[in-house]
């Protein structure tokens, strides 16, 4: 059975697809791609069925990440099949906790930057949507930084299941 991780932002066209692409690459690099499913969704339906923001795609591709993405909305029923739900900011964290059907499901929700060694007091990944390319590059930097710690945690969970 696969370990399932879903990244969640607002519209599922900027931050969460970037996190999905980066984490999918990290998982593949360590040979866990057959054991870990990586996905993303949004808290709102503003961009449902659209592709990722072209600026996100450009920054990802320029940094060697593959992107195939169609935006969709996170559904409450998904909690039962997910092991980790990764929120990109505190607003998403609150929205997801309101959706969680049980306390056990609520415990699956984490902020991405909580896995970052340089997380600090502000654990939000800022929304780059209303800015320029530099906001998307900063988003990528923050996602890459936090993905190292997230990968270590997921790897430990996956190995713990196999033991």
Protein backbone atom coordinates (compact mmCIF):
# COMPACT_ATOMS: atom_id res chain seq x y z
CA UNK A 1 0.00 0.00 0.00
CA UNK A 2 1.32 3.42 -0.97
CA UNK A 3 2.05 6.27 1.39
CA UNK A 4 0.00 9.24 0.14
CA UNK A 5 0.91 12.93 0.44
CA UNK A 6 -1.25 15.80 -0.83
CA UNK A 7 -0.09 19.43 -0.95
CA UNK A 8 -2.81 22.07 -0.60
CA UNK A 9 -2.89 25.80 -1.43
CA UNK A 10 -5.75 28.10 -2.45
CA UNK A 11 -6.38 27.57 -6.17
CA UNK A 12 -3.98 24.68 -6.88
CA UNK A 13 -2.17 26.53 -9.66
CA UNK A 14 0.93 28.01 -7.96
CA UNK A 15 2.28 26.81 -4.63
CA UNK A 16 0.81 23.32 -4.30
CA UNK A 17 1.66 22.17 -7.85
CA UNK A 18 5.18 23.50 -7.31
CA UNK A 19 5.45 21.55 -4.04
CA UNK A 20 4.01 18.47 -5.74
CA UNK A 21 6.56 18.62 -8.58
CA UNK A 22 9.52 19.18 -6.26
CA UNK A 23 8.51 16.49 -3.80
CA UNK A 24 7.74 13.98 -6.54
CA UNK A 25 11.28 14.53 -7.86
CA UNK A 26 12.79 14.13 -4.37
CA UNK A 27 10.87 10.90 -3.80
CA UNK A 28 12.07 9.53 -7.16
CA UNK A 29 15.68 10.54 -6.43
CA UNK A 30 15.75 8.25 -3.37
CA UNK A 31 13.90 5.41 -5.10
CA UNK A 32 10.65 5.69 -3.16
CA UNK A 33 8.45 6.58 -6.13
CA UNK A 34 6.87 3.10 -6.15
CA UNK A 35 5.92 3.51 -2.48
CA UNK A 36 4.92 7.18 -2.20
CA UNK A 37 2.10 8.88 -4.13
CA UNK A 38 2.35 12.67 -4.40
CA UNK A 39 -0.60 14.87 -5.30
CA UNK A 40 -1.98 18.39 -4.84
CA UNK A 41 -5.26 20.26 -4.61
CA UNK A 42 -6.74 23.62 -3.65
CA UNK A 43 -9.07 24.81 -0.93
CA UNK A 44 -11.14 26.76 -3.48
CA UNK A 45 -12.47 26.05 -6.96
CA UNK A 46 -11.37 29.29 -8.64
CA UNK A 47 -9.06 27.49 -11.06
CA UNK A 48 -10.55 23.98 -11.16
CA UNK A 49 -9.64 22.11 -14.36
CA UNK A 50 -6.99 24.68 -15.33
CA UNK A 51 -3.30 23.98 -15.72
CA UNK A 52 -0.65 25.34 -13.39
CA UNK A 53 0.14 29.05 -13.62
CA UNK A 54 2.53 29.58 -16.57
CA UNK A 55 5.00 31.35 -14.27
CA UNK A 56 5.07 28.33 -11.94
CA UNK A 57 5.57 26.02 -14.91
CA UNK A 58 8.38 28.18 -16.27
CA UNK A 59 10.25 28.35 -12.96
CA UNK A 60 9.84 24.62 -12.39
CA UNK A 61 10.97 23.66 -15.89
CA UNK A 62 13.91 26.08 -15.73
CA UNK A 63 15.01 24.21 -12.60
CA UNK A 64 14.64 20.74 -14.07
CA UNK A 65 11.24 19.73 -12.72
CA UNK A 66 8.57 18.02 -14.81
CA UNK A 67 5.07 19.50 -14.65
CA UNK A 68 1.81 17.88 -15.67
CA UNK A 69 -1.03 19.39 -13.71
CA UNK A 70 -4.77 20.03 -13.67
CA UNK A 71 -6.12 22.06 -10.74
CA UNK A 72 -8.79 20.56 -8.51
CA UNK A 73 -10.42 21.10 -5.13
CA UNK A 74 -9.50 19.13 -2.01
CA UNK A 75 -12.40 16.96 -0.89
CA UNK A 76 -13.21 15.99 2.68
CA UNK A 77 -13.52 12.31 1.71
CA UNK A 78 -9.83 12.22 0.73
CA UNK A 79 -8.69 12.23 4.36
CA UNK A 80 -9.38 8.51 4.66
CA UNK A 81 -6.92 7.65 1.89
CA UNK A 82 -4.19 10.20 2.72
CA UNK A 83 -1.31 9.83 5.15
CA UNK A 84 -0.19 13.47 5.10
CA UNK A 85 -1.97 16.64 4.03
CA UNK A 86 0.54 19.45 3.61
CA UNK A 87 -0.79 23.01 3.83
CA UNK A 88 1.22 25.81 2.24
CA UNK A 89 0.09 28.50 4.69
CA UNK A 90 -1.80 29.01 7.94
CA UNK A 91 -5.04 29.84 6.11
CA UNK A 92 -4.95 26.51 4.32
CA UNK A 93 -4.12 24.78 7.60
CA UNK A 94 -7.24 26.28 9.23
CA UNK A 95 -9.45 25.44 6.22
CA UNK A 96 -8.23 21.85 6.16
CA UNK A 97 -8.72 21.41 9.90
CA UNK A 98 -12.33 22.58 9.51
CA UNK A 99 -12.80 19.96 6.78
CA UNK A 100 -11.21 17.09 8.72
CA UNK A 101 -13.94 14.65 9.71
CA UNK A 102 -12.07 13.27 12.75
CA UNK A 103 -9.29 14.24 15.15
CA UNK A 104 -7.17 11.51 13.56
CA UNK A 105 -7.64 13.15 10.16
CA UNK A 106 -6.78 16.58 11.60
CA UNK A 107 -3.49 15.16 12.89
CA UNK A 108 -2.51 14.34 9.29
CA UNK A 109 -2.38 18.06 8.42
CA UNK A 110 0.97 19.86 8.62
CA UNK A 111 2.47 23.10 7.35
CA UNK A 112 5.16 22.47 4.73
CA UNK A 113 7.66 24.86 6.24
CA UNK A 114 7.40 23.08 9.60
CA UNK A 115 9.77 20.61 7.92
CA UNK A 116 12.27 23.33 7.06
CA UNK A 117 15.40 23.77 9.16
CA UNK A 118 15.12 27.52 8.58
CA UNK A 119 11.35 27.72 9.22
CA UNK A 120 11.45 30.43 11.86
CA UNK A 121 8.27 31.99 13.23
CA UNK A 122 6.55 32.49 9.87
CA UNK A 123 5.83 29.08 8.37
CA UNK A 124 3.79 30.34 5.41
CA UNK A 125 4.92 29.94 1.82
CA UNK A 126 3.88 33.35 0.43
CA UNK A 127 1.42 33.33 -2.48
CA UNK A 128 3.32 34.41 -5.62
CA UNK A 129 0.19 34.80 -7.77
CA UNK A 130 -0.11 38.59 -7.66
CA UNK A 131 3.59 39.29 -8.20
CA UNK A 132 6.28 38.59 -10.75
CA UNK A 133 8.60 35.72 -11.48
CA UNK A 134 10.74 36.49 -8.43
CA UNK A 135 7.85 35.43 -6.16
CA UNK A 136 7.69 32.08 -7.93
CA UNK A 137 11.45 31.66 -7.60
CA UNK A 138 11.19 32.39 -3.86
CA UNK A 139 8.31 29.92 -3.59
CA UNK A 140 10.48 27.27 -5.25
CA UNK A 141 13.36 28.01 -2.88
CA UNK A 142 11.13 27.63 0.18
CA UNK A 143 9.53 24.45 -1.16
CA UNK A 144 12.90 22.88 -1.99
CA UNK A 145 14.26 23.77 1.45
CA UNK A 146 11.30 22.22 3.29
CA UNK A 147 11.19 19.17 1.03
CA UNK A 148 14.43 17.86 2.53
CA UNK A 149 12.90 17.56 6.01
CA UNK A 150 9.57 16.34 4.65
CA UNK A 151 11.33 13.61 2.69
CA UNK A 152 13.17 12.47 5.81
CA UNK A 153 9.87 12.26 7.73
CA UNK A 154 8.05 10.42 4.94
CA UNK A 155 10.97 8.06 4.45
CA UNK A 156 10.96 7.21 8.17
CA UNK A 157 7.20 6.57 8.07
CA UNK A 158 7.48 4.37 4.97
CA UNK A 159 10.38 2.40 6.44
CA UNK A 160 8.48 2.09 9.73
CA UNK A 161 5.56 0.49 7.89
CA UNK A 162 7.88 -2.01 6.21
CA UNK A 163 9.48 -3.06 9.52
